[in-house]
Amino acid sequence: MALPLNIFKTVTKVVPLSPVGIYTAPVGYASVVILAQVANIGETTETVTFSHQRTVSGIAVTSEIVKDFAIPAKDSASFLDGKLVLESNDVLVISGSNSSNLKFTASVLETLK
């Protein structure tokens, strides 16, 4: 059976305290992150770190897109001004200062290589 040319996905996650991979680009596809945002539904300002991770020669190389980015109470923040292209096996990693009030949402287009 032929693989689909394009697949749109929505990724959602409650942001954890420790860094965790929330999306991995599948083998054979390039992934285009169209939107990546976090909503703070709590009553106090919280911080978020959002990163891109690629393994090079067996070593995970992490590049922060935002680090300890403050999001005011009852507000949200978008982390991309444009689009982010992920190669196969690249990982989006996120962590925050609160494990229940920060909600992550992303829109991703996976396109067959």
C-alpha atoms as a PDB file:
ATOM      1  CA  MET A   1       0.000   0.000   0.000  1.00  0.00           C
ATOM      2  CA  ALA A   2       1.308   3.465  -0.903  1.00  0.00           C
ATOM      3  CA  LEU A   3       2.122   5.907   1.868  1.00  0.00           C
ATOM      4  CA  PRO A   4       0.082   9.124   1.993  1.00  0.00           C
ATOM      5  CA  LEU A   5       1.803  12.164   0.502  1.00  0.00           C
ATOM      6  CA  ASN A   6       0.684  14.643   3.198  1.00  0.00           C
ATOM      7  CA  ILE A   7      -0.609  14.096   6.713  1.00  0.00           C
ATOM      8  CA  PHE A   8      -1.828  16.928   8.950  1.00  0.00           C
ATOM      9  CA  LYS A   9      -1.563  16.353  12.720  1.00  0.00           C
ATOM     10  CA  THR A  10      -2.505  18.234  15.846  1.00  0.00           C
ATOM     11  CA  VAL A  11      -0.252  17.608  18.829  1.00  0.00           C
ATOM     12  CA  THR A  12      -1.510  18.474  22.325  1.00  0.00           C
ATOM     13  CA  LYS A  13       0.167  17.993  25.687  1.00  0.00           C
ATOM     14  CA  VAL A  14      -0.034  19.258  29.240  1.00  0.00           C
ATOM     15  CA  VAL A  15       3.459  20.701  29.704  1.00  0.00           C
ATOM     16  CA  PRO A  16       5.508  18.641  32.208  1.00  0.00           C
ATOM     17  CA  LEU A  17       8.051  19.924  34.735  1.00  0.00           C
ATOM     18  CA  SER A  18      10.912  17.893  33.222  1.00  0.00           C
ATOM     19  CA  PRO A  19      11.874  18.057  29.525  1.00  0.00           C
ATOM     20  CA  VAL A  20       9.991  15.471  27.467  1.00  0.00           C
ATOM     21  CA  GLY A  21       9.735  14.749  23.759  1.00  0.00           C
ATOM     22  CA  ILE A  22       6.240  15.635  22.561  1.00  0.00           C
ATOM     23  CA  TYR A  23       6.630  14.959  18.848  1.00  0.00           C
ATOM     24  CA  THR A  24       9.101  12.957  16.752  1.00  0.00           C
ATOM     25  CA  ALA A  25       9.249  13.398  12.993  1.00  0.00           C
ATOM     26  CA  PRO A  26       8.569  10.008  11.374  1.00  0.00           C
ATOM     27  CA  VAL A  27      11.089   8.204   9.179  1.00  0.00           C
ATOM     28  CA  GLY A  28      10.544   8.894   5.483  1.00  0.00           C
ATOM     29  CA  TYR A  29       8.767  12.183   6.103  1.00  0.00           C
ATOM     30  CA  ALA A  30       9.783  15.788   6.604  1.00  0.00           C
ATOM     31  CA  SER A  31       7.605  17.535   9.155  1.00  0.00           C
ATOM     32  CA  VAL A  32       6.668  21.191   8.957  1.00  0.00           C
ATOM     33  CA  VAL A  33       5.577  22.708  12.266  1.00  0.00           C
ATOM     34  CA  ILE A  34       3.015  25.320  11.301  1.00  0.00           C
ATOM     35  CA  LEU A  35       1.972  26.403  14.798  1.00  0.00           C
ATOM     36  CA  ALA A  36       3.416  25.845  18.264  1.00  0.00           C
ATOM     37  CA  GLN A  37       1.851  27.603  21.226  1.00  0.00           C
ATOM     38  CA  VAL A  38       1.283  27.279  24.956  1.00  0.00           C
ATOM     39  CA  ALA A  39      -1.696  28.557  26.930  1.00  0.00           C
ATOM     40  CA  ASN A  40      -1.324  29.350  30.630  1.00  0.00           C
ATOM     41  CA  ILE A  41      -4.723  28.633  32.176  1.00  0.00           C
ATOM     42  CA  GLY A  42      -3.496  29.334  35.703  1.00  0.00           C
ATOM     43  CA  GLU A  43      -3.604  32.369  37.986  1.00  0.00           C
ATOM     44  CA  THR A  44       0.154  33.144  38.010  1.00  0.00           C
ATOM     45  CA  THR A  45       2.877  33.734  35.421  1.00  0.00           C
ATOM     46  CA  GLU A  46       4.613  30.489  34.406  1.00  0.00           C
ATOM     47  CA  THR A  47       7.679  29.753  32.259  1.00  0.00           C
ATOM     48  CA  VAL A  48       8.210  27.374  29.348  1.00  0.00           C
ATOM     49  CA  THR A  49      11.258  25.998  27.553  1.00  0.00           C
ATOM     50  CA  PHE A  50      10.648  24.670  24.029  1.00  0.00           C
ATOM     51  CA  SER A  51      13.448  23.023  22.054  1.00  0.00           C
ATOM     52  CA  HIS A  52      14.391  21.199  18.866  1.00  0.00           C
ATOM     53  CA  GLN A  53      16.517  18.069  19.347  1.00  0.00           C
ATOM     54  CA  ARG A  54      18.496  16.191  16.699  1.00  0.00           C
ATOM     55  CA  THR A  55      20.813  13.246  17.258  1.00  0.00           C
ATOM     56  CA  VAL A  56      24.158  13.729  15.508  1.00  0.00           C
ATOM     57  CA  SER A  57      26.707  10.896  15.648  1.00  0.00           C
ATOM     58  CA  GLY A  58      24.820   9.369  18.579  1.00  0.00           C
ATOM     59  CA  ILE A  59      24.722  12.610  20.589  1.00  0.00           C
ATOM     60  CA  ALA A  60      21.461  14.498  21.170  1.00  0.00           C
ATOM     61  CA  VAL A  61      21.963  18.142  20.203  1.00  0.00           C
ATOM     62  CA  THR A  62      19.335  20.425  21.744  1.00  0.00           C
ATOM     63  CA  SER A  63      18.608  23.885  20.357  1.00  0.00           C
ATOM     64  CA  GLU A  64      16.292  26.002  22.479  1.00  0.00           C
ATOM     65  CA  ILE A  65      13.650  27.912  20.568  1.00  0.00           C
ATOM     66  CA  VAL A  66      12.587  29.653  23.797  1.00  0.00           C
ATOM     67  CA  LYS A  67      14.119  29.163  27.253  1.00  0.00           C
ATOM     68  CA  ASP A  68      12.311  30.024  30.481  1.00  0.00           C
ATOM     69  CA  PHE A  69       9.836  32.088  28.458  1.00  0.00           C
ATOM     70  CA  ALA A  70       7.329  33.805  30.782  1.00  0.00           C
ATOM     71  CA  ILE A  71       3.632  33.467  29.943  1.00  0.00           C
ATOM     72  CA  PRO A  72       1.305  35.633  32.060  1.00  0.00           C
ATOM     73  CA  ALA A  73      -1.751  34.146  33.771  1.00  0.00           C
ATOM     74  CA  LYS A  74      -4.719  33.509  31.465  1.00  0.00           C
ATOM     75  CA  ASP A  75      -2.605  34.232  28.377  1.00  0.00           C
ATOM     76  CA  SER A  76      -0.866  32.306  25.610  1.00  0.00           C
ATOM     77  CA  ALA A  77       2.305  32.553  23.550  1.00  0.00           C
ATOM     78  CA  SER A  78       3.241  31.387  20.077  1.00  0.00           C
ATOM     79  CA  PHE A  79       6.812  30.145  19.737  1.00  0.00           C
ATOM     80  CA  LEU A  80       7.249  30.324  15.959  1.00  0.00           C
ATOM     81  CA  ASP A  81       7.238  33.429  13.767  1.00  0.00           C
ATOM     82  CA  GLY A  82       7.447  31.207  10.704  1.00  0.00           C
ATOM     83  CA  LYS A  83       7.546  27.487  10.110  1.00  0.00           C
ATOM     84  CA  LEU A  84       9.986  24.971  11.581  1.00  0.00           C
ATOM     85  CA  VAL A  85      11.122  22.064   9.388  1.00  0.00           C
ATOM     86  CA  LEU A  86      11.996  18.794  11.111  1.00  0.00           C
ATOM     87  CA  GLU A  87      13.946  15.984   9.506  1.00  0.00           C
ATOM     88  CA  SER A  88      13.212  12.321  10.236  1.00  0.00           C
ATOM     89  CA  ASN A  89      13.724  11.505  13.944  1.00  0.00           C
ATOM     90  CA  ASP A  90      14.006  15.157  15.032  1.00  0.00           C
ATOM     91  CA  VAL A  91      12.172  15.729  18.307  1.00  0.00           C
ATOM     92  CA  LEU A  92      10.277  18.670  19.814  1.00  0.00           C
ATOM     93  CA  VAL A  93      10.963  18.875  23.543  1.00  0.00           C
ATOM     94  CA  ILE A  94       9.079  20.940  26.132  1.00  0.00           C
ATOM     95  CA  SER A  95       9.072  21.635  29.867  1.00  0.00           C
ATOM     96  CA  GLY A  96       7.523  24.243  32.129  1.00  0.00           C
ATOM     97  CA  SER A  97       7.313  25.616  35.638  1.00  0.00           C
ATOM     98  CA  ASN A  98       3.857  24.133  36.313  1.00  0.00           C
ATOM     99  CA  SER A  99       2.654  20.623  35.531  1.00  0.00           C
ATOM    100  CA  SER A 100      -1.059  21.348  35.234  1.00  0.00           C
ATOM    101  CA  ASN A 101      -1.664  24.917  34.004  1.00  0.00           C
ATOM    102  CA  LEU A 102       0.405  24.983  30.811  1.00  0.00           C
ATOM    103  CA  LYS A 103      -1.203  23.460  27.695  1.00  0.00           C
ATOM    104  CA  PHE A 104       0.757  22.945  24.462  1.00  0.00           C
ATOM    105  CA  THR A 105      -0.799  22.799  20.988  1.00  0.00           C
ATOM    106  CA  ALA A 106       0.963  22.319  17.642  1.00  0.00           C
ATOM    107  CA  SER A 107      -0.107  21.882  14.043  1.00  0.00           C
ATOM    108  CA  VAL A 108       2.235  19.726  11.975  1.00  0.00           C
ATOM    109  CA  LEU A 109       2.291  18.784   8.301  1.00  0.00           C
ATOM    110  CA  GLU A 110       4.129  15.530   7.576  1.00  0.00           C
ATOM    111  CA  THR A 111       5.112  15.308   3.915  1.00  0.00           C
ATOM    112  CA  LEU A 112       6.570  12.249   2.201  1.00  0.00           C
ATOM    113  CA  LYS A 113      10.202  12.611   1.132  1.00  0.00           C
END
